[in-house]
């Protein structure tokens, strides 16, 4: 009876060791998978951050180009307004000169008719 119990005990100990070894292997495998997933996650986060940084830099360049274009257009509009004011002034002067010339012509015609 003692021999049989000892034999059963030894068999149970071997079974327990096998189960413990299997559990240890499974734990190691899960740890490797977790480590692999963490590495992949870090890589994906880095790629995402790099893409975001690149997009931000590109947007900054485009924004700066737009600001320069706006500034250029504002300068152009300002110069066009000045040109319009200058042309209005010239038109007014020409109209006044034309009135004076017409008045002088009218006076000449009156004196010629007399």
PDB file of N, CA and C in Angstrom:
ATOM      1  N   UNK A   1       0.841  -1.201   0.000  1.00  0.00           N
ATOM      2  CA  UNK A   1       0.000   0.000   0.000  1.00  0.00           C
ATOM      3  C   UNK A   1       0.884   1.262   0.000  1.00  0.00           C
ATOM      4  N   UNK A   2       1.919   1.223   0.827  1.00  0.00           N
ATOM      5  CA  UNK A   2       2.841   2.350   0.896  1.00  0.00           C
ATOM      6  C   UNK A   2       3.534   2.552  -0.443  1.00  0.00           C
ATOM      7  N   UNK A   3       3.942   1.468  -1.048  1.00  0.00           N
ATOM      8  CA  UNK A   3       4.609   1.525  -2.344  1.00  0.00           C
ATOM      9  C   UNK A   3       3.672   2.141  -3.394  1.00  0.00           C
ATOM     10  N   UNK A   4       2.433   1.722  -3.383  1.00  0.00           N
ATOM     11  CA  UNK A   4       1.435   2.217  -4.336  1.00  0.00           C
ATOM     12  C   UNK A   4       1.199   3.710  -4.114  1.00  0.00           C
ATOM     13  N   UNK A   5       1.083   4.148  -2.879  1.00  0.00           N
ATOM     14  CA  UNK A   5       0.863   5.549  -2.560  1.00  0.00           C
ATOM     15  C   UNK A   5       2.069   6.389  -2.972  1.00  0.00           C
ATOM     16  N   UNK A   6       3.256   5.861  -2.715  1.00  0.00           N
ATOM     17  CA  UNK A   6       4.476   6.563  -3.110  1.00  0.00           C
ATOM     18  C   UNK A   6       4.540   6.684  -4.629  1.00  0.00           C
ATOM     19  N   UNK A   7       4.182   5.633  -5.296  1.00  0.00           N
ATOM     20  CA  UNK A   7       4.186   5.638  -6.759  1.00  0.00           C
ATOM     21  C   UNK A   7       3.179   6.671  -7.290  1.00  0.00           C
ATOM     22  N   UNK A   8       1.984   6.709  -6.702  1.00  0.00           N
ATOM     23  CA  UNK A   8       0.973   7.680  -7.112  1.00  0.00           C
ATOM     24  C   UNK A   8       1.448   9.106  -6.840  1.00  0.00           C
ATOM     25  N   UNK A   9       2.099   9.245  -5.667  1.00  0.00           N
ATOM     26  CA  UNK A   9       2.631  10.563  -5.311  1.00  0.00           C
ATOM     27  C   UNK A   9       3.664  11.013  -6.335  1.00  0.00           C
ATOM     28  N   UNK A  10       4.569  10.117  -6.691  1.00  0.00           N
ATOM     29  CA  UNK A  10       5.608  10.442  -7.682  1.00  0.00           C
ATOM     30  C   UNK A  10       4.976  10.793  -9.031  1.00  0.00           C
ATOM     31  N   UNK A  11       3.956  10.067  -9.399  1.00  0.00           N
ATOM     32  CA  UNK A  11       3.253  10.333 -10.658  1.00  0.00           C
ATOM     33  C   UNK A  11       2.588  11.716 -10.602  1.00  0.00           C
ATOM     34  N   UNK A  12       1.980  12.007  -9.472  1.00  0.00           N
ATOM     35  CA  UNK A  12       1.347  13.324  -9.310  1.00  0.00           C
ATOM     36  C   UNK A  12       2.374  14.448  -9.326  1.00  0.00           C
ATOM     37  N   UNK A  13       3.529  14.213  -8.711  1.00  0.00           N
ATOM     38  CA  UNK A  13       4.605  15.205  -8.712  1.00  0.00           C
ATOM     39  C   UNK A  13       5.081  15.446 -10.139  1.00  0.00           C
ATOM     40  N   UNK A  14       5.258  14.380 -10.928  1.00  0.00           N
ATOM     41  CA  UNK A  14       5.675  14.518 -12.331  1.00  0.00           C
ATOM     42  C   UNK A  14       4.623  15.286 -13.138  1.00  0.00           C
ATOM     43  N   UNK A  15       3.362  14.940 -12.896  1.00  0.00           N
ATOM     44  CA  UNK A  15       2.273  15.640 -13.599  1.00  0.00           C
ATOM     45  C   UNK A  15       2.261  17.125 -13.230  1.00  0.00           C
ATOM     46  N   UNK A  16       2.441  17.381 -11.933  1.00  0.00           N
ATOM     47  CA  UNK A  16       2.474  18.762 -11.472  1.00  0.00           C
ATOM     48  C   UNK A  16       3.642  19.516 -12.105  1.00  0.00           C
ATOM     49  N   UNK A  17       4.804  18.894 -12.169  1.00  0.00           N
ATOM     50  CA  UNK A  17       5.972  19.530 -12.800  1.00  0.00           C
ATOM     51  C   UNK A  17       5.725  19.791 -14.280  1.00  0.00           C
ATOM     52  N   UNK A  18       5.072  18.831 -14.958  1.00  0.00           N
ATOM     53  CA  UNK A  18       4.761  19.027 -16.379  1.00  0.00           C
ATOM     54  C   UNK A  18       3.824  20.220 -16.565  1.00  0.00           C
ATOM     55  N   UNK A  19       2.787  20.276 -15.713  1.00  0.00           N
ATOM     56  CA  UNK A  19       1.822  21.375 -15.798  1.00  0.00           C
ATOM     57  C   UNK A  19       2.526  22.699 -15.498  1.00  0.00           C
ATOM     58  N   UNK A  20       3.399  22.699 -14.470  1.00  0.00           N
ATOM     59  CA  UNK A  20       4.131  23.921 -14.131  1.00  0.00           C
ATOM     60  C   UNK A  20       5.042  24.343 -15.286  1.00  0.00           C
ATOM     61  N   UNK A  21       5.701  23.369 -15.921  1.00  0.00           N
ATOM     62  CA  UNK A  21       6.554  23.684 -17.080  1.00  0.00           C
ATOM     63  C   UNK A  21       5.731  24.252 -18.229  1.00  0.00           C
ATOM     64  N   UNK A  22       4.572  23.654 -18.484  1.00  0.00           N
ATOM     65  CA  UNK A  22       3.704  24.149 -19.554  1.00  0.00           C
ATOM     66  C   UNK A  22       3.228  25.573 -19.248  1.00  0.00           C
ATOM     67  N   UNK A  23       2.871  25.780 -17.982  1.00  0.00           N
ATOM     68  CA  UNK A  23       2.436  27.128 -17.586  1.00  0.00           C
ATOM     69  C   UNK A  23       3.574  28.139 -17.734  1.00  0.00           C
ATOM     70  N   UNK A  24       4.778  27.724 -17.352  1.00  0.00           N
ATOM     71  CA  UNK A  24       5.937  28.607 -17.480  1.00  0.00           C
ATOM     72  C   UNK A  24       6.205  28.940 -18.949  1.00  0.00           C
ATOM     73  N   UNK A  25       6.123  27.945 -19.818  1.00  0.00           N
ATOM     74  CA  UNK A  25       6.313  28.172 -21.257  1.00  0.00           C
ATOM     75  C   UNK A  25       5.239  29.112 -21.798  1.00  0.00           C
ATOM     76  N   UNK A  26       3.990  28.882 -21.373  1.00  0.00           N
ATOM     77  CA  UNK A  26       2.895  29.740 -21.832  1.00  0.00           C
ATOM     78  C   UNK A  26       3.105  31.171 -21.332  1.00  0.00           C
ATOM     79  N   UNK A  27       3.521  31.306 -20.076  1.00  0.00           N
ATOM     80  CA  UNK A  27       3.785  32.636 -19.524  1.00  0.00           C
ATOM     81  C   UNK A  27       4.890  33.333 -20.307  1.00  0.00           C
ATOM     82  N   UNK A  28       5.965  32.604 -20.611  1.00  0.00           N
ATOM     83  CA  UNK A  28       7.066  33.183 -21.392  1.00  0.00           C
ATOM     84  C   UNK A  28       6.591  33.603 -22.785  1.00  0.00           C
ATOM     85  N   UNK A  29       5.760  32.760 -23.396  1.00  0.00           N
ATOM     86  CA  UNK A  29       5.236  33.074 -24.727  1.00  0.00           C
ATOM     87  C   UNK A  29       4.374  34.336 -24.674  1.00  0.00           C
ATOM     88  N   UNK A  30       3.531  34.456 -23.652  1.00  0.00           N
ATOM     89  CA  UNK A  30       2.663  35.626 -23.503  1.00  0.00           C
ATOM     90  C   UNK A  30       3.519  36.872 -23.257  1.00  0.00           C
ATOM     91  N   UNK A  31       4.571  36.735 -22.444  1.00  0.00           N
ATOM     92  CA  UNK A  31       5.459  37.880 -22.197  1.00  0.00           C
ATOM     93  C   UNK A  31       6.138  38.331 -23.484  1.00  0.00           C
ATOM     94  N   UNK A  32       6.561  37.362 -24.316  1.00  0.00           N
ATOM     95  CA  UNK A  32       7.184  37.719 -25.602  1.00  0.00           C
ATOM     96  C   UNK A  32       6.179  38.441 -26.499  1.00  0.00           C
ATOM     97  N   UNK A  33       4.934  37.940 -26.528  1.00  0.00           N
ATOM     98  CA  UNK A  33       3.902  38.585 -27.346  1.00  0.00           C
ATOM     99  C   UNK A  33       3.624  40.002 -26.847  1.00  0.00           C
ATOM    100  N   UNK A  34       3.539  40.169 -25.523  1.00  0.00           N
ATOM    101  CA  UNK A  34       3.301  41.500 -24.957  1.00  0.00           C
ATOM    102  C   UNK A  34       4.440  42.446 -25.330  1.00  0.00           C
ATOM    103  N   UNK A  35       5.672  41.931 -25.216  1.00  0.00           N
ATOM    104  CA  UNK A  35       6.830  42.754 -25.574  1.00  0.00           C
ATOM    105  C   UNK A  35       6.785  43.137 -27.056  1.00  0.00           C
ATOM    106  N   UNK A  36       6.406  42.177 -27.902  1.00  0.00           N
ATOM    107  CA  UNK A  36       6.309  42.434 -29.343  1.00  0.00           C
ATOM    108  C   UNK A  36       5.233  43.484 -29.625  1.00  0.00           C
ATOM    109  N   UNK A  37       4.080  43.358 -28.965  1.00  0.00           N
ATOM    110  CA  UNK A  37       3.004  44.332 -29.167  1.00  0.00           C
ATOM    111  C   UNK A  37       3.423  45.717 -28.689  1.00  0.00           C
ATOM    112  N   UNK A  38       4.139  45.767 -27.561  1.00  0.00           N
ATOM    113  CA  UNK A  38       4.614  47.064 -27.071  1.00  0.00           C
ATOM    114  C   UNK A  38       5.574  47.703 -28.068  1.00  0.00           C
ATOM    115  N   UNK A  39       6.490  46.887 -28.619  1.00  0.00           N
ATOM    116  CA  UNK A  39       7.431  47.408 -29.616  1.00  0.00           C
ATOM    117  C   UNK A  39       6.685  47.930 -30.837  1.00  0.00           C
ATOM    118  N   UNK A  40       5.703  47.167 -31.303  1.00  0.00           N
ATOM    119  CA  UNK A  40       4.940  47.592 -32.473  1.00  0.00           C
ATOM    120  C   UNK A  40       4.141  48.856 -32.180  1.00  0.00           C
ATOM    121  N   UNK A  41       3.597  48.941 -30.964  1.00  0.00           N
ATOM    122  CA  UNK A  41       2.851  50.131 -30.579  1.00  0.00           C
ATOM    123  C   UNK A  41       3.768  51.355 -30.545  1.00  0.00           C
ATOM    124  N   UNK A  42       4.959  51.199 -29.959  1.00  0.00           N
ATOM    125  CA  UNK A  42       5.909  52.312 -29.914  1.00  0.00           C
ATOM    126  C   UNK A  42       6.304  52.753 -31.318  1.00  0.00           C
ATOM    127  N   UNK A  43       6.521  51.773 -32.204  1.00  0.00           N
ATOM    128  CA  UNK A  43       6.893  52.094 -33.586  1.00  0.00           C
ATOM    129  C   UNK A  43       5.753  52.842 -34.282  1.00  0.00           C
ATOM    130  N   UNK A  44       4.535  52.364 -34.076  1.00  0.00           N
ATOM    131  CA  UNK A  44       3.376  53.029 -34.700  1.00  0.00           C
ATOM    132  C   UNK A  44       3.216  54.444 -34.157  1.00  0.00           C
ATOM    133  N   UNK A  45       3.412  54.620 -32.844  1.00  0.00           N
ATOM    134  CA  UNK A  45       3.314  55.954 -32.259  1.00  0.00           C
ATOM    135  C   UNK A  45       4.391  56.876 -32.814  1.00  0.00           C
ATOM    136  N   UNK A  46       5.601  56.347 -32.989  1.00  0.00           N
ATOM    137  CA  UNK A  46       6.693  57.152 -33.546  1.00  0.00           C
ATOM    138  C   UNK A  46       6.376  57.558 -34.982  1.00  0.00           C
ATOM    139  N   UNK A  47       5.896  56.601 -35.776  1.00  0.00           N
ATOM    140  CA  UNK A  47       5.549  56.908 -37.169  1.00  0.00           C
ATOM    141  C   UNK A  47       4.426  57.950 -37.215  1.00  0.00           C
ATOM    142  N   UNK A  48       3.451  57.798 -36.327  1.00  0.00           N
ATOM    143  CA  UNK A  48       2.345  58.755 -36.275  1.00  0.00           C
ATOM    144  C   UNK A  48       2.863  60.142 -35.895  1.00  0.00           C
ATOM    145  N   UNK A  49       3.729  60.206 -34.908  1.00  0.00           N
ATOM    146  CA  UNK A  49       4.281  61.497 -34.470  1.00  0.00           C
ATOM    147  C   UNK A  49       5.120  62.133 -35.579  1.00  0.00           C
ATOM    148  N   UNK A  50       5.909  61.302 -36.274  1.00  0.00           N
ATOM    149  CA  UNK A  50       6.718  61.817 -37.389  1.00  0.00           C
ATOM    150  C   UNK A  50       5.826  62.387 -38.490  1.00  0.00           C
ATOM    151  N   UNK A  51       4.753  61.651 -38.809  1.00  0.00           N
ATOM    152  CA  UNK A  51       3.830  62.122 -39.850  1.00  0.00           C
ATOM    153  C   UNK A  51       3.156  63.421 -39.416  1.00  0.00           C
ATOM    154  N   UNK A  52       2.796  63.489 -38.143  1.00  0.00           N
ATOM    155  CA  UNK A  52       2.152  64.694 -37.616  1.00  0.00           C
ATOM    156  C   UNK A  52       3.111  65.883 -37.665  1.00  0.00           C
ATOM    157  N   UNK A  53       4.349  65.658 -37.279  1.00  0.00           N
ATOM    158  CA  UNK A  53       5.354  66.723 -37.317  1.00  0.00           C
ATOM    159  C   UNK A  53       5.568  67.209 -38.747  1.00  0.00           C
ATOM    160  N   UNK A  54       5.667  66.257 -39.662  1.00  0.00           N
ATOM    161  CA  UNK A  54       5.868  66.623 -41.075  1.00  0.00           C
ATOM    162  C   UNK A  54       4.677  67.419 -41.603  1.00  0.00           C
ATOM    163  N   UNK A  55       3.466  66.976 -41.257  1.00  0.00           N
ATOM    164  CA  UNK A  55       2.268  67.688 -41.715  1.00  0.00           C
ATOM    165  C   UNK A  55       2.231  69.100 -41.122  1.00  0.00           C
ATOM    166  N   UNK A  56       2.591  69.214 -39.844  1.00  0.00           N
ATOM    167  CA  UNK A  56       2.605  70.540 -39.209  1.00  0.00           C
ATOM    168  C   UNK A  56       3.617  71.464 -39.875  1.00  0.00           C
ATOM    169  N   UNK A  57       4.791  70.927 -40.190  1.00  0.00           N
ATOM    170  CA  UNK A  57       5.810  71.753 -40.859  1.00  0.00           C
ATOM    171  C   UNK A  57       5.322  72.196 -42.234  1.00  0.00           C
ATOM    172  N   UNK A  58       4.709  71.272 -42.953  1.00  0.00           N
ATOM    173  CA  UNK A  58       4.184  71.598 -44.286  1.00  0.00           C
ATOM    174  C   UNK A  58       3.104  72.674 -44.170  1.00  0.00           C
ATOM    175  N   UNK A  59       2.226  72.532 -43.179  1.00  0.00           N
ATOM    176  CA  UNK A  59       1.173  73.529 -42.978  1.00  0.00           C
ATOM    177  C   UNK A  59       1.757  74.893 -42.618  1.00  0.00           C
ATOM    178  N   UNK A  60       2.795  74.891 -41.788  1.00  0.00           N
ATOM    179  CA  UNK A  60       3.441  76.165 -41.427  1.00  0.00           C
ATOM    180  C   UNK A  60       4.000  76.860 -42.663  1.00  0.00           C
ATOM    181  N   UNK A  61       4.632  76.082 -43.544  1.00  0.00           N
ATOM    182  CA  UNK A  61       5.184  76.653 -44.782  1.00  0.00           C
ATOM    183  C   UNK A  61       4.054  77.226 -45.643  1.00  0.00           C
ATOM    184  N   UNK A  62       2.958  76.467 -45.765  1.00  0.00           N
ATOM    185  CA  UNK A  62       1.828  76.938 -46.573  1.00  0.00           C
ATOM    186  C   UNK A  62       1.198  78.191 -45.957  1.00  0.00           C
ATOM    187  N   UNK A  63       1.077  78.198 -44.636  1.00  0.00           N
ATOM    188  CA  UNK A  63       0.513  79.370 -43.953  1.00  0.00           C
ATOM    189  C   UNK A  63       1.394  80.586 -44.184  1.00  0.00           C
ATOM    190  N   UNK A  64       2.710  80.406 -44.080  1.00  0.00           N
ATOM    191  CA  UNK A  64       3.639  81.527 -44.302  1.00  0.00           C
ATOM    192  C   UNK A  64       3.516  82.034 -45.742  1.00  0.00           C
ATOM    193  N   UNK A  65       3.392  81.101 -46.699  1.00  0.00           N
ATOM    194  CA  UNK A  65       3.233  81.505 -48.107  1.00  0.00           C
ATOM    195  C   UNK A  65       1.934  82.290 -48.290  1.00  0.00           C
ATOM    196  N   UNK A  66       0.874  81.855 -47.618  1.00  0.00           N
ATOM    197  CA  UNK A  66      -0.407  82.570 -47.703  1.00  0.00           C
ATOM    198  C   UNK A  66      -0.299  83.965 -47.088  1.00  0.00           C
ATOM    199  N   UNK A  67       0.395  84.066 -45.948  1.00  0.00           N
ATOM    200  CA  UNK A  67       0.586  85.386 -45.328  1.00  0.00           C
ATOM    201  C   UNK A  67       1.353  86.313 -46.272  1.00  0.00           C
ATOM    202  N   UNK A  68       2.376  85.784 -46.914  1.00  0.00           N
ATOM    203  CA  UNK A  68       3.154  86.599 -47.849  1.00  0.00           C
ATOM    204  C   UNK A  68       2.293  87.036 -49.031  1.00  0.00           C
ATOM    205  N   UNK A  69       1.462  86.116 -49.524  1.00  0.00           N
ATOM    206  CA  UNK A  69       0.592  86.456 -50.651  1.00  0.00           C
ATOM    207  C   UNK A  69      -0.424  87.522 -50.240  1.00  0.00           C
ATOM    208  N   UNK A  70      -0.990  87.375 -49.045  1.00  0.00           N
ATOM    209  CA  UNK A  70      -1.945  88.366 -48.542  1.00  0.00           C
ATOM    210  C   UNK A  70      -1.266  89.728 -48.423  1.00  0.00           C
ATOM    211  N   UNK A  71      -0.068  89.736 -47.866  1.00  0.00           N
ATOM    212  CA  UNK A  71       0.666  90.992 -47.719  1.00  0.00           C
ATOM    213  C   UNK A  71       0.928  91.628 -49.085  1.00  0.00           C
ATOM    214  N   UNK A  72       1.328  90.800 -50.027  1.00  0.00           N
ATOM    215  CA  UNK A  72       1.590  91.297 -51.377  1.00  0.00           C
ATOM    216  C   UNK A  72       0.314  91.874 -52.001  1.00  0.00           C
ATOM    217  N   UNK A  73      -0.795  91.166 -51.828  1.00  0.00           N
ATOM    218  CA  UNK A  73      -2.066  91.654 -52.384  1.00  0.00           C
ATOM    219  C   UNK A  73      -2.514  92.945 -51.703  1.00  0.00           C
ATOM    220  N   UNK A  74      -2.313  93.035 -50.393  1.00  0.00           N
ATOM    221  CA  UNK A  74      -2.669  94.267 -49.689  1.00  0.00           C
ATOM    222  C   UNK A  74      -1.836  95.441 -50.206  1.00  0.00           C
ATOM    223  N   UNK A  75      -0.548  95.186 -50.438  1.00  0.00           N
ATOM    224  CA  UNK A  75       0.318  96.233 -50.989  1.00  0.00           C
ATOM    225  C   UNK A  75      -0.159  96.643 -52.385  1.00  0.00           C
ATOM    226  N   UNK A  76      -0.504  95.648 -53.204  1.00  0.00           N
ATOM    227  CA  UNK A  76      -0.986  95.912 -54.559  1.00  0.00           C
ATOM    228  C   UNK A  76      -2.279  96.742 -54.510  1.00  0.00           C
ATOM    229  N   UNK A  77      -3.209  96.344 -53.631  1.00  0.00           N
ATOM    230  CA  UNK A  77      -4.479  97.071 -53.502  1.00  0.00           C
ATOM    231  C   UNK A  77      -4.216  98.510 -53.074  1.00  0.00           C
ATOM    232  N   UNK A  78      -3.311  98.684 -52.137  1.00  0.00           N
ATOM    233  CA  UNK A  78      -2.981 100.030 -51.666  1.00  0.00           C
ATOM    234  C   UNK A  78      -2.413 100.876 -52.807  1.00  0.00           C
ATOM    235  N   UNK A  79      -1.511 100.302 -53.576  1.00  0.00           N
ATOM    236  CA  UNK A  79      -0.929 101.061 -54.688  1.00  0.00           C
ATOM    237  C   UNK A  79      -1.983 101.364 -55.756  1.00  0.00           C
ATOM    238  N   UNK A  80      -2.925 100.433 -55.955  1.00  0.00           N
ATOM    239  CA  UNK A  80      -3.994 100.681 -56.929  1.00  0.00           C
ATOM    240  C   UNK A  80      -4.914 101.805 -56.455  1.00  0.00           C
ATOM    241  N   UNK A  81      -5.170 101.856 -55.155  1.00  0.00           N
ATOM    242  CA  UNK A  81      -5.999 102.950 -54.614  1.00  0.00           C
ATOM    243  C   UNK A  81      -5.313 104.299 -54.824  1.00  0.00           C
ATOM    244  N   UNK A  82      -4.005 104.318 -54.566  1.00  0.00           N
ATOM    245  CA  UNK A  82      -3.261 105.559 -54.795  1.00  0.00           C
ATOM    246  C   UNK A  82      -3.322 105.961 -56.265  1.00  0.00           C
ATOM    247  N   UNK A  83      -3.177 104.980 -57.134  1.00  0.00           N
ATOM    248  CA  UNK A  83      -3.232 105.246 -58.578  1.00  0.00           C
ATOM    249  C   UNK A  83      -4.614 105.784 -58.965  1.00  0.00           C
ATOM    250  N   UNK A  84      -5.665 105.200 -58.395  1.00  0.00           N
ATOM    251  CA  UNK A  84      -7.031 105.682 -58.687  1.00  0.00           C
ATOM    252  C   UNK A  84      -7.205 107.121 -58.219  1.00  0.00           C
ATOM    253  N   UNK A  85      -6.712 107.428 -57.012  1.00  0.00           N
ATOM    254  CA  UNK A  85      -6.804 108.802 -56.510  1.00  0.00           C
ATOM    255  C   UNK A  85      -6.043 109.763 -57.419  1.00  0.00           C
ATOM    256  N   UNK A  86      -4.866 109.329 -57.866  1.00  0.00           N
ATOM    257  CA  UNK A  86      -4.062 110.157 -58.773  1.00  0.00           C
ATOM    258  C   UNK A  86      -4.809 110.393 -60.089  1.00  0.00           C
ATOM    259  N   UNK A  87      -5.414 109.333 -60.617  1.00  0.00           N
ATOM    260  CA  UNK A  87      -6.157 109.463 -61.875  1.00  0.00           C
ATOM    261  C   UNK A  87      -7.390 110.356 -61.704  1.00  0.00           C
ATOM    262  N   UNK A  88      -8.068 110.237 -60.561  1.00  0.00           N
ATOM    263  CA  UNK A  88      -9.221 111.116 -60.297  1.00  0.00           C
ATOM    264  C   UNK A  88      -8.779 112.577 -60.260  1.00  0.00           C
ATOM    265  N   UNK A  89      -7.642 112.806 -59.605  1.00  0.00           N
ATOM    266  CA  UNK A  89      -7.128 114.173 -59.515  1.00  0.00           C
ATOM    267  C   UNK A  89      -6.785 114.700 -60.902  1.00  0.00           C
ATOM    268  N   UNK A  90      -6.117 113.864 -61.699  1.00  0.00           N
ATOM    269  CA  UNK A  90      -5.780 114.270 -63.073  1.00  0.00           C
ATOM    270  C   UNK A  90      -7.026 114.538 -63.894  1.00  0.00           C
ATOM    271  N   UNK A  91      -8.060 113.708 -63.713  1.00  0.00           N
ATOM    272  CA  UNK A  91      -9.303 113.883 -64.453  1.00  0.00           C
ATOM    273  C   UNK A  91      -9.943 115.223 -64.081  1.00  0.00           C
ATOM    274  N   UNK A  92      -9.918 115.516 -62.778  1.00  0.00           N
ATOM    275  CA  UNK A  92     -10.500 116.778 -62.321  1.00  0.00           C
ATOM    276  C   UNK A  92      -9.739 117.963 -62.911  1.00  0.00           C
ATOM    277  N   UNK A  93      -8.412 117.856 -62.922  1.00  0.00           N
ATOM    278  CA  UNK A  93      -7.605 118.941 -63.493  1.00  0.00           C
ATOM    279  C   UNK A  93      -7.892 119.093 -64.986  1.00  0.00           C
ATOM    280  N   UNK A  94      -7.999 117.949 -65.690  1.00  0.00           N
ATOM    281  CA  UNK A  94      -8.289 118.005 -67.129  1.00  0.00           C
ATOM    282  C   UNK A  94      -9.675 118.595 -67.389  1.00  0.00           C
ATOM    283  N   UNK A  95     -10.635 118.200 -66.542  1.00  0.00           N
ATOM    284  CA  UNK A  95     -11.993 118.768 -66.704  1.00  0.00           C
ATOM    285  C   UNK A  95     -11.974 120.280 -66.482  1.00  0.00           C
ATOM    286  N   UNK A  96     -11.225 120.713 -65.475  1.00  0.00           N
ATOM    287  CA  UNK A  96     -11.128 122.159 -65.220  1.00  0.00           C
ATOM    288  C   UNK A  96     -10.446 122.852 -66.395  1.00  0.00           C
ATOM    289  N   UNK A  97      -9.360 122.252 -66.904  1.00  0.00           N
ATOM    290  CA  UNK A  97      -8.669 122.851 -68.059  1.00  0.00           C
ATOM    291  C   UNK A  97      -9.585 122.897 -69.269  1.00  0.00           C
ATOM    292  N   UNK A  98     -10.370 121.810 -69.453  1.00  0.00           N
ATOM    293  CA  UNK A  98     -11.302 121.775 -70.581  1.00  0.00           C
ATOM    294  C   UNK A  98     -12.363 122.867 -70.438  1.00  0.00           C
ATOM    295  N   UNK A  99     -12.897 123.052 -69.213  1.00  0.00           N
ATOM    296  CA  UNK A  99     -13.883 124.123 -68.985  1.00  0.00           C
ATOM    297  C   UNK A  99     -13.278 125.481 -69.307  1.00  0.00           C
ATOM    298  N   UNK A 100     -12.037 125.689 -68.819  1.00  0.00           N
ATOM    299  CA  UNK A 100     -11.374 126.976 -69.079  1.00  0.00           C
ATOM    300  C   UNK A 100     -11.151 127.180 -70.574  1.00  0.00           C
ATOM    301  N   UNK A 101     -10.735 126.079 -71.242  1.00  0.00           N
ATOM    302  CA  UNK A 101     -10.499 126.194 -72.689  1.00  0.00           C
ATOM    303  C   UNK A 101     -11.806 126.475 -73.422  1.00  0.00           C
ATOM    304  N   UNK A 102     -12.875 125.820 -73.009  1.00  0.00           N
ATOM    305  CA  UNK A 102     -14.183 126.053 -73.634  1.00  0.00           C
ATOM    306  C   UNK A 102     -14.654 127.488 -73.384  1.00  0.00           C
ATOM    307  N   UNK A 103     -14.411 127.971 -72.160  1.00  0.00           N
ATOM    308  CA  UNK A 103     -14.800 129.357 -71.858  1.00  0.00           C
ATOM    309  C   UNK A 103     -13.984 130.327 -72.711  1.00  0.00           C
ATOM    310  N   UNK A 104     -12.687 130.043 -72.818  1.00  0.00           N
ATOM    311  CA  UNK A 104     -11.835 130.924 -73.628  1.00  0.00           C
ATOM    312  C   UNK A 104     -12.262 130.864 -75.084  1.00  0.00           C
ATOM    313  N   UNK A 105     -12.580 129.674 -75.557  1.00  0.00           N
ATOM    314  CA  UNK A 105     -13.034 129.521 -76.939  1.00  0.00           C
ATOM    315  C   UNK A 105     -14.338 130.282 -77.143  1.00  0.00           C
ATOM    316  N   UNK A 106     -15.234 130.170 -76.153  1.00  0.00           N
ATOM    317  CA  UNK A 106     -16.493 130.897 -76.241  1.00  0.00           C
ATOM    318  C   UNK A 106     -16.245 132.391 -76.297  1.00  0.00           C
ATOM    319  N   UNK A 107     -15.329 132.893 -75.480  1.00  0.00           N
ATOM    320  CA  UNK A 107     -15.014 134.323 -75.497  1.00  0.00           C
ATOM    321  C   UNK A 107     -14.429 134.730 -76.833  1.00  0.00           C
ATOM    322  N   UNK A 108     -13.525 133.874 -77.380  1.00  0.00           N
ATOM    323  CA  UNK A 108     -12.932 134.181 -78.683  1.00  0.00           C
ATOM    324  C   UNK A 108     -13.993 134.227 -79.776  1.00  0.00           C
ATOM    325  N   UNK A 109     -14.903 133.223 -79.694  1.00  0.00           N
ATOM    326  CA  UNK A 109     -15.960 133.187 -80.711  1.00  0.00           C
ATOM    327  C   UNK A 109     -16.849 134.428 -80.609  1.00  0.00           C
ATOM    328  N   UNK A 110     -17.126 134.877 -79.384  1.00  0.00           N
ATOM    329  CA  UNK A 110     -17.967 136.070 -79.176  1.00  0.00           C
ATOM    330  C   UNK A 110     -17.272 137.307 -79.746  1.00  0.00           C
ATOM    331  N   UNK A 111     -15.967 137.400 -79.471  1.00  0.00           N
ATOM    332  CA  UNK A 111     -15.276 138.572 -79.979  1.00  0.00           C
ATOM    333  C   UNK A 111     -15.127 138.508 -81.479  1.00  0.00           C
ATOM    334  N   UNK A 112     -14.997 137.324 -82.045  1.00  0.00           N
ATOM    335  CA  UNK A 112     -14.886 137.168 -83.480  1.00  0.00           C
ATOM    336  C   UNK A 112     -16.182 137.540 -84.170  1.00  0.00           C
ATOM    337  N   UNK A 113     -17.305 137.158 -83.552  1.00  0.00           N
ATOM    338  CA  UNK A 113     -18.620 137.428 -84.124  1.00  0.00           C
ATOM    339  C   UNK A 113     -18.874 138.931 -84.111  1.00  0.00           C
ATOM    340  N   UNK A 114     -18.411 139.698 -83.191  1.00  0.00           N
ATOM    341  CA  UNK A 114     -18.670 141.132 -83.074  1.00  0.00           C
ATOM    342  C   UNK A 114     -17.955 141.893 -84.083  1.00  0.00           C
TER     343      UNK A 114
END
